[in-house]
Each structure stands twice: as C-alpha cells, then as structure tokens.
PDB file of N, CA and C in Angstrom:
ATOM      1  N   MET A   1     -11.462 -47.593  96.978  1.00  0.00           N
ATOM      2  CA  MET A   1     -10.092 -48.088  96.427  1.00  0.00           C
ATOM      3  C   MET A   1      -8.330 -47.862  97.428  1.00  0.00           C
ATOM      4  N   ALA A   2      -8.147 -49.271  96.573  1.00  0.00           N
ATOM      5  CA  ALA A   2      -6.356 -49.159  96.972  1.00  0.00           C
ATOM      6  C   ALA A   2      -5.227 -48.350  96.078  1.00  0.00           C
ATOM      7  N   ALA A   3      -4.754 -47.529  96.828  1.00  0.00           N
ATOM      8  CA  ALA A   3      -3.326 -47.155  95.431  1.00  0.00           C
ATOM      9  C   ALA A   3      -2.775 -47.778  96.100  1.00  0.00           C
ATOM     10  N   VAL A   4      -1.589 -47.975  94.578  1.00  0.00           N
ATOM     11  CA  VAL A   4      -0.255 -48.921  94.840  1.00  0.00           C
ATOM     12  C   VAL A   4       0.721 -48.277  94.486  1.00  0.00           C
ATOM     13  N   GLU A   5       1.712 -48.566  95.285  1.00  0.00           N
ATOM     14  CA  GLU A   5       2.991 -47.248  94.389  1.00  0.00           C
ATOM     15  C   GLU A   5       3.905 -48.698  93.678  1.00  0.00           C
ATOM     16  N   THR A   6       3.883 -48.156  92.761  1.00  0.00           N
ATOM     17  CA  THR A   6       4.749 -48.628  91.520  1.00  0.00           C
ATOM     18  C   THR A   6       6.037 -47.729  90.843  1.00  0.00           C
ATOM     19  N   THR A   7       6.898 -47.142  92.133  1.00  0.00           N
ATOM     20  CA  THR A   7       7.893 -46.365  90.962  1.00  0.00           C
ATOM     21  C   THR A   7       9.117 -47.265  91.762  1.00  0.00           C
ATOM     22  N   ARG A   8       9.700 -47.130  91.781  1.00  0.00           N
ATOM     23  CA  ARG A   8      10.869 -47.916  92.584  1.00  0.00           C
ATOM     24  C   ARG A   8      12.336 -47.036  92.107  1.00  0.00           C
ATOM     25  N   PRO A   9      12.844 -46.907  92.741  1.00  0.00           N
ATOM     26  CA  PRO A   9      14.380 -45.708  92.823  1.00  0.00           C
ATOM     27  C   PRO A   9      15.297 -46.659  92.155  1.00  0.00           C
ATOM     28  N   ALA A  10      16.017 -45.538  91.333  1.00  0.00           N
ATOM     29  CA  ALA A  10      16.886 -45.966  90.400  1.00  0.00           C
ATOM     30  C   ALA A  10      17.756 -46.482  90.981  1.00  0.00           C
ATOM     31  N   PRO A  11      18.825 -47.877  89.789  1.00  0.00           N
ATOM     32  CA  PRO A  11      20.091 -48.857  90.653  1.00  0.00           C
ATOM     33  C   PRO A  11      21.442 -48.778  90.573  1.00  0.00           C
ATOM     34  N   PHE A  12      21.346 -48.340  92.025  1.00  0.00           N
ATOM     35  CA  PHE A  12      22.786 -47.433  92.689  1.00  0.00           C
ATOM     36  C   PHE A  12      23.402 -47.367  90.886  1.00  0.00           C
ATOM     37  N   GLY A  13      24.029 -47.115  90.901  1.00  0.00           N
ATOM     38  CA  GLY A  13      25.098 -46.086  89.927  1.00  0.00           C
ATOM     39  C   GLY A  13      24.043 -45.743  88.249  1.00  0.00           C
ATOM     40  N   ALA A  14      23.118 -46.028  88.166  1.00  0.00           N
ATOM     41  CA  ALA A  14      21.918 -45.779  87.189  1.00  0.00           C
ATOM     42  C   ALA A  14      22.404 -44.593  86.554  1.00  0.00           C
ATOM     43  N   ILE A  15      22.059 -43.647  87.535  1.00  0.00           N
ATOM     44  CA  ILE A  15      22.166 -42.226  87.372  1.00  0.00           C
ATOM     45  C   ILE A  15      23.218 -41.441  86.703  1.00  0.00           C
ATOM     46  N   THR A  16      24.683 -41.898  87.169  1.00  0.00           N
ATOM     47  CA  THR A  16      25.292 -41.233  86.947  1.00  0.00           C
ATOM     48  C   THR A  16      26.312 -41.852  85.940  1.00  0.00           C
ATOM     49  N   THR A  17      25.066 -43.340  85.319  1.00  0.00           N
ATOM     50  CA  THR A  17      26.140 -44.160  84.234  1.00  0.00           C
ATOM     51  C   THR A  17      25.604 -43.066  83.008  1.00  0.00           C
ATOM     52  N   TYR A  18      23.704 -42.351  83.429  1.00  0.00           N
ATOM     53  CA  TYR A  18      22.891 -41.507  82.496  1.00  0.00           C
ATOM     54  C   TYR A  18      23.530 -40.834  82.271  1.00  0.00           C
ATOM     55  N   ARG A  19      23.940 -39.954  83.481  1.00  0.00           N
ATOM     56  CA  ARG A  19      24.502 -39.014  82.898  1.00  0.00           C
ATOM     57  C   ARG A  19      26.469 -38.672  82.290  1.00  0.00           C
ATOM     58  N   ALA A  20      27.017 -39.839  82.107  1.00  0.00           N
ATOM     59  CA  ALA A  20      28.594 -39.587  81.360  1.00  0.00           C
ATOM     60  C   ALA A  20      27.416 -40.237  80.175  1.00  0.00           C
ATOM     61  N   ILE A  21      26.676 -40.826  80.107  1.00  0.00           N
ATOM     62  CA  ILE A  21      26.898 -41.532  78.299  1.00  0.00           C
ATOM     63  C   ILE A  21      25.663 -39.909  78.046  1.00  0.00           C
ATOM     64  N   ASN A  22      25.451 -38.685  78.324  1.00  0.00           N
ATOM     65  CA  ASN A  22      24.539 -37.608  78.237  1.00  0.00           C
ATOM     66  C   ASN A  22      26.427 -37.145  78.295  1.00  0.00           C
ATOM     67  N   VAL A  23      26.835 -36.539  78.376  1.00  0.00           N
ATOM     68  CA  VAL A  23      28.179 -35.943  78.163  1.00  0.00           C
ATOM     69  C   VAL A  23      28.910 -36.449  77.046  1.00  0.00           C
ATOM     70  N   VAL A  24      29.304 -37.915  76.916  1.00  0.00           N
ATOM     71  CA  VAL A  24      30.062 -37.894  75.663  1.00  0.00           C
ATOM     72  C   VAL A  24      29.072 -37.786  74.778  1.00  0.00           C
ATOM     73  N   SER A  25      26.917 -37.978  74.554  1.00  0.00           N
ATOM     74  CA  SER A  25      26.968 -37.366  73.086  1.00  0.00           C
ATOM     75  C   SER A  25      27.123 -35.958  72.954  1.00  0.00           C
ATOM     76  N   ASN A  26      26.974 -35.267  74.203  1.00  0.00           N
ATOM     77  CA  ASN A  26      27.016 -34.676  73.815  1.00  0.00           C
ATOM     78  C   ASN A  26      28.754 -33.299  73.343  1.00  0.00           C
ATOM     79  N   VAL A  27      29.424 -34.736  73.597  1.00  0.00           N
ATOM     80  CA  VAL A  27      30.462 -33.970  73.130  1.00  0.00           C
ATOM     81  C   VAL A  27      30.930 -34.315  71.851  1.00  0.00           C
ATOM     82  N   VAL A  28      30.508 -35.477  71.724  1.00  0.00           N
ATOM     83  CA  VAL A  28      30.540 -36.289  69.913  1.00  0.00           C
ATOM     84  C   VAL A  28      28.879 -34.666  68.788  1.00  0.00           C
ATOM     85  N   ALA A  29      27.969 -35.203  69.682  1.00  0.00           N
ATOM     86  CA  ALA A  29      27.366 -33.702  68.494  1.00  0.00           C
ATOM     87  C   ALA A  29      28.352 -32.536  68.954  1.00  0.00           C
ATOM     88  N   MET A  30      29.145 -32.244  69.362  1.00  0.00           N
ATOM     89  CA  MET A  30      29.704 -30.719  69.450  1.00  0.00           C
ATOM     90  C   MET A  30      30.934 -31.040  68.520  1.00  0.00           C
ATOM     91  N   PHE A  31      31.429 -32.387  68.938  1.00  0.00           N
ATOM     92  CA  PHE A  31      32.405 -32.959  67.496  1.00  0.00           C
ATOM     93  C   PHE A  31      32.237 -32.766  66.517  1.00  0.00           C
ATOM     94  N   ALA A  32      31.135 -32.807  66.074  1.00  0.00           N
ATOM     95  CA  ALA A  32      30.280 -32.607  64.768  1.00  0.00           C
ATOM     96  C   ALA A  32      29.978 -31.607  64.104  1.00  0.00           C
ATOM     97  N   ALA A  33      29.613 -30.765  64.809  1.00  0.00           N
ATOM     98  CA  ALA A  33      29.163 -29.112  64.827  1.00  0.00           C
ATOM     99  C   ALA A  33      30.094 -29.008  64.116  1.00  0.00           C
ATOM    100  N   TRP A  34      31.136 -28.261  65.637  1.00  0.00           N
ATOM    101  CA  TRP A  34      32.557 -28.403  64.732  1.00  0.00           C
ATOM    102  C   TRP A  34      32.849 -28.794  63.316  1.00  0.00           C
ATOM    103  N   ASN A  35      33.185 -29.728  63.335  1.00  0.00           N
ATOM    104  CA  ASN A  35      32.895 -30.179  61.938  1.00  0.00           C
ATOM    105  C   ASN A  35      32.739 -29.849  60.525  1.00  0.00           C
ATOM    106  N   ASP A  36      31.254 -29.836  60.811  1.00  0.00           N
ATOM    107  CA  ASP A  36      30.115 -29.399  59.540  1.00  0.00           C
ATOM    108  C   ASP A  36      30.819 -28.524  59.626  1.00  0.00           C
ATOM    109  N   ALA A  37      31.406 -27.303  60.748  1.00  0.00           N
ATOM    110  CA  ALA A  37      31.441 -25.938  60.311  1.00  0.00           C
ATOM    111  C   ALA A  37      32.189 -26.060  59.611  1.00  0.00           C
ATOM    112  N   ARG A  38      33.750 -26.484  59.942  1.00  0.00           N
ATOM    113  CA  ARG A  38      35.295 -26.843  59.092  1.00  0.00           C
ATOM    114  C   ARG A  38      35.001 -26.988  57.819  1.00  0.00           C
ATOM    115  N   ALA A  39      34.289 -27.809  57.734  1.00  0.00           N
ATOM    116  CA  ALA A  39      33.793 -28.439  56.341  1.00  0.00           C
ATOM    117  C   ALA A  39      33.224 -26.859  55.535  1.00  0.00           C
ATOM    118  N   THR A  40      32.001 -26.238  55.658  1.00  0.00           N
ATOM    119  CA  THR A  40      31.266 -25.626  55.210  1.00  0.00           C
ATOM    120  C   THR A  40      32.458 -24.548  55.133  1.00  0.00           C
ATOM    121  N   ARG A  41      33.264 -23.883  55.901  1.00  0.00           N
ATOM    122  CA  ARG A  41      34.260 -22.900  55.522  1.00  0.00           C
ATOM    123  C   ARG A  41      35.657 -23.567  54.398  1.00  0.00           C
ATOM    124  N   ASN A  42      35.158 -24.873  54.743  1.00  0.00           N
ATOM    125  CA  ASN A  42      36.251 -25.327  53.122  1.00  0.00           C
ATOM    126  C   ASN A  42      36.414 -25.044  51.911  1.00  0.00           C
ATOM    127  N   ALA A  43      34.365 -25.441  52.463  1.00  0.00           N
ATOM    128  CA  ALA A  43      33.815 -25.635  50.512  1.00  0.00           C
ATOM    129  C   ALA A  43      33.681 -24.161  50.096  1.00  0.00           C
ATOM    130  N   LEU A  44      33.354 -22.969  51.463  1.00  0.00           N
ATOM    131  CA  LEU A  44      32.695 -22.009  50.583  1.00  0.00           C
ATOM    132  C   LEU A  44      34.290 -21.282  49.991  1.00  0.00           C
ATOM    133  N   SER A  45      35.673 -21.653  51.079  1.00  0.00           N
ATOM    134  CA  SER A  45      36.821 -20.492  51.126  1.00  0.00           C
ATOM    135  C   SER A  45      37.019 -20.987  48.859  1.00  0.00           C
ATOM    136  N   LYS A  46      36.669 -22.043  48.735  1.00  0.00           N
ATOM    137  CA  LYS A  46      37.219 -22.862  47.137  1.00  0.00           C
ATOM    138  C   LYS A  46      36.857 -21.764  46.655  1.00  0.00           C
ATOM    139  N   LEU A  47      35.708 -21.663  46.602  1.00  0.00           N
ATOM    140  CA  LEU A  47      34.406 -21.033  45.506  1.00  0.00           C
ATOM    141  C   LEU A  47      35.362 -18.861  45.250  1.00  0.00           C
ATOM    142  N   SER A  48      35.594 -18.844  44.381  1.00  0.00           N
ATOM    143  CA  SER A  48      35.651 -17.388  43.523  1.00  0.00           C
ATOM    144  C   SER A  48      34.310 -16.746  43.680  1.00  0.00           C
ATOM    145  N   ASP A  49      35.513 -15.319  43.740  1.00  0.00           N
ATOM    146  CA  ASP A  49      34.005 -14.363  43.953  1.00  0.00           C
ATOM    147  C   ASP A  49      33.214 -14.159  43.619  1.00  0.00           C
ATOM    148  N   ARG A  50      33.306 -14.942  42.362  1.00  0.00           N
ATOM    149  CA  ARG A  50      31.456 -14.882  41.549  1.00  0.00           C
ATOM    150  C   ARG A  50      31.122 -15.985  42.036  1.00  0.00           C
ATOM    151  N   GLU A  51      32.113 -17.296  41.688  1.00  0.00           N
ATOM    152  CA  GLU A  51      30.351 -17.586  42.894  1.00  0.00           C
ATOM    153  C   GLU A  51      29.921 -17.054  44.561  1.00  0.00           C
ATOM    154  N   LEU A  52      30.855 -17.169  44.232  1.00  0.00           N
ATOM    155  CA  LEU A  52      30.126 -16.665  46.303  1.00  0.00           C
ATOM    156  C   LEU A  52      28.666 -15.322  45.780  1.00  0.00           C
ATOM    157  N   ASP A  53      29.502 -15.080  44.831  1.00  0.00           N
ATOM    158  CA  ASP A  53      28.127 -14.283  44.731  1.00  0.00           C
ATOM    159  C   ASP A  53      27.210 -13.863  44.160  1.00  0.00           C
ATOM    160  N   ASP A  54      26.903 -14.729  42.668  1.00  0.00           N
ATOM    161  CA  ASP A  54      26.061 -16.027  42.367  1.00  0.00           C
ATOM    162  C   ASP A  54      25.293 -16.496  43.580  1.00  0.00           C
ATOM    163  N   ILE A  55      25.607 -16.859  45.015  1.00  0.00           N
ATOM    164  CA  ILE A  55      24.814 -17.299  45.414  1.00  0.00           C
ATOM    165  C   ILE A  55      24.547 -16.127  46.595  1.00  0.00           C
ATOM    166  N   GLY A  56      25.265 -14.836  46.907  1.00  0.00           N
ATOM    167  CA  GLY A  56      25.247 -13.962  47.267  1.00  0.00           C
ATOM    168  C   GLY A  56      25.472 -14.365  48.648  1.00  0.00           C
ATOM    169  N   LEU A  57      27.014 -14.256  48.411  1.00  0.00           N
ATOM    170  CA  LEU A  57      27.244 -13.801  49.696  1.00  0.00           C
ATOM    171  C   LEU A  57      28.483 -13.540  49.165  1.00  0.00           C
ATOM    172  N   CYS A  58      29.622 -12.793  50.236  1.00  0.00           N
ATOM    173  CA  CYS A  58      31.056 -12.159  50.004  1.00  0.00           C
ATOM    174  C   CYS A  58      31.990 -13.270  50.770  1.00  0.00           C
ATOM    175  N   ARG A  59      33.000 -13.061  50.594  1.00  0.00           N
ATOM    176  CA  ARG A  59      34.575 -13.429  51.145  1.00  0.00           C
ATOM    177  C   ARG A  59      34.205 -13.685  53.451  1.00  0.00           C
ATOM    178  N   GLY A  60      33.934 -12.005  53.303  1.00  0.00           N
ATOM    179  CA  GLY A  60      33.766 -11.960  55.188  1.00  0.00           C
ATOM    180  C   GLY A  60      32.918 -12.638  55.579  1.00  0.00           C
ATOM    181  N   ASP A  61      32.106 -12.635  54.280  1.00  0.00           N
ATOM    182  CA  ASP A  61      30.363 -13.988  54.679  1.00  0.00           C
ATOM    183  C   ASP A  61      31.074 -15.494  55.420  1.00  0.00           C
ATOM    184  N   ILE A  62      32.223 -16.139  54.741  1.00  0.00           N
ATOM    185  CA  ILE A  62      32.571 -17.044  55.308  1.00  0.00           C
ATOM    186  C   ILE A  62      32.663 -17.414  56.963  1.00  0.00           C
ATOM    187  N   GLU A  63      33.473 -16.692  57.520  1.00  0.00           N
ATOM    188  CA  GLU A  63      33.487 -17.379  59.117  1.00  0.00           C
ATOM    189  C   GLU A  63      32.055 -16.871  59.678  1.00  0.00           C
ATOM    190  N   VAL A  64      31.360 -16.050  59.369  1.00  0.00           N
ATOM    191  CA  VAL A  64      30.151 -15.967  60.257  1.00  0.00           C
ATOM    192  C   VAL A  64      28.785 -17.084  59.642  1.00  0.00           C
ATOM    193  N   ILE A  65      29.027 -18.067  58.127  1.00  0.00           N
ATOM    194  CA  ILE A  65      28.194 -18.900  58.345  1.00  0.00           C
ATOM    195  C   ILE A  65      29.060 -20.437  59.168  1.00  0.00           C
ATOM    196  N   GLY A  66      29.966 -20.437  59.488  1.00  0.00           N
ATOM    197  CA  GLY A  66      30.443 -20.953  59.239  1.00  0.00           C
ATOM    198  C   GLY A  66      30.420 -22.055  60.716  1.00  0.00           C
ATOM    199  N   ARG A  67      30.202 -20.685  61.760  1.00  0.00           N
ATOM    200  CA  ARG A  67      29.875 -20.986  63.415  1.00  0.00           C
ATOM    201  C   ARG A  67      28.432 -21.198  63.222  1.00  0.00           C
TER     202      ARG A  67
END
C-alpha cells in the first residue's frame, strides 16, 4: 500500500495572524472579566449591611468576591 502525505505547511503569515488574533481575544476576555468584577463590586457595595448579611456576606468580603 502506498502512503500519501496530505499535510502542507501553513501559508506565510498564518501563524503570526493566528497569534495576533489570539492576543486580541485574550485582551478582550481579560477586559470582560475585569468589567464583570467591577460591576459585581459596585452592586454589592450598594447593598445595606442587613442585605449583605442575608446573603451571608460582610463588607470585607466584597473585594475578595470581586476578584
């Protein structure tokens, strides 16, 4: 039986383009995670101490949860 090689090298610049797109998507994901944490901290900061106690938190927990 004969074996045929069907793999070809990537076109010029394809790997660089892939890496650039990967970097951009990582930056966007990091920004989205930062924004979600910021929004969570802001929402929890607006709650009263009693409301925080109802969900089992205290003011000191807000920063830890926001990370």
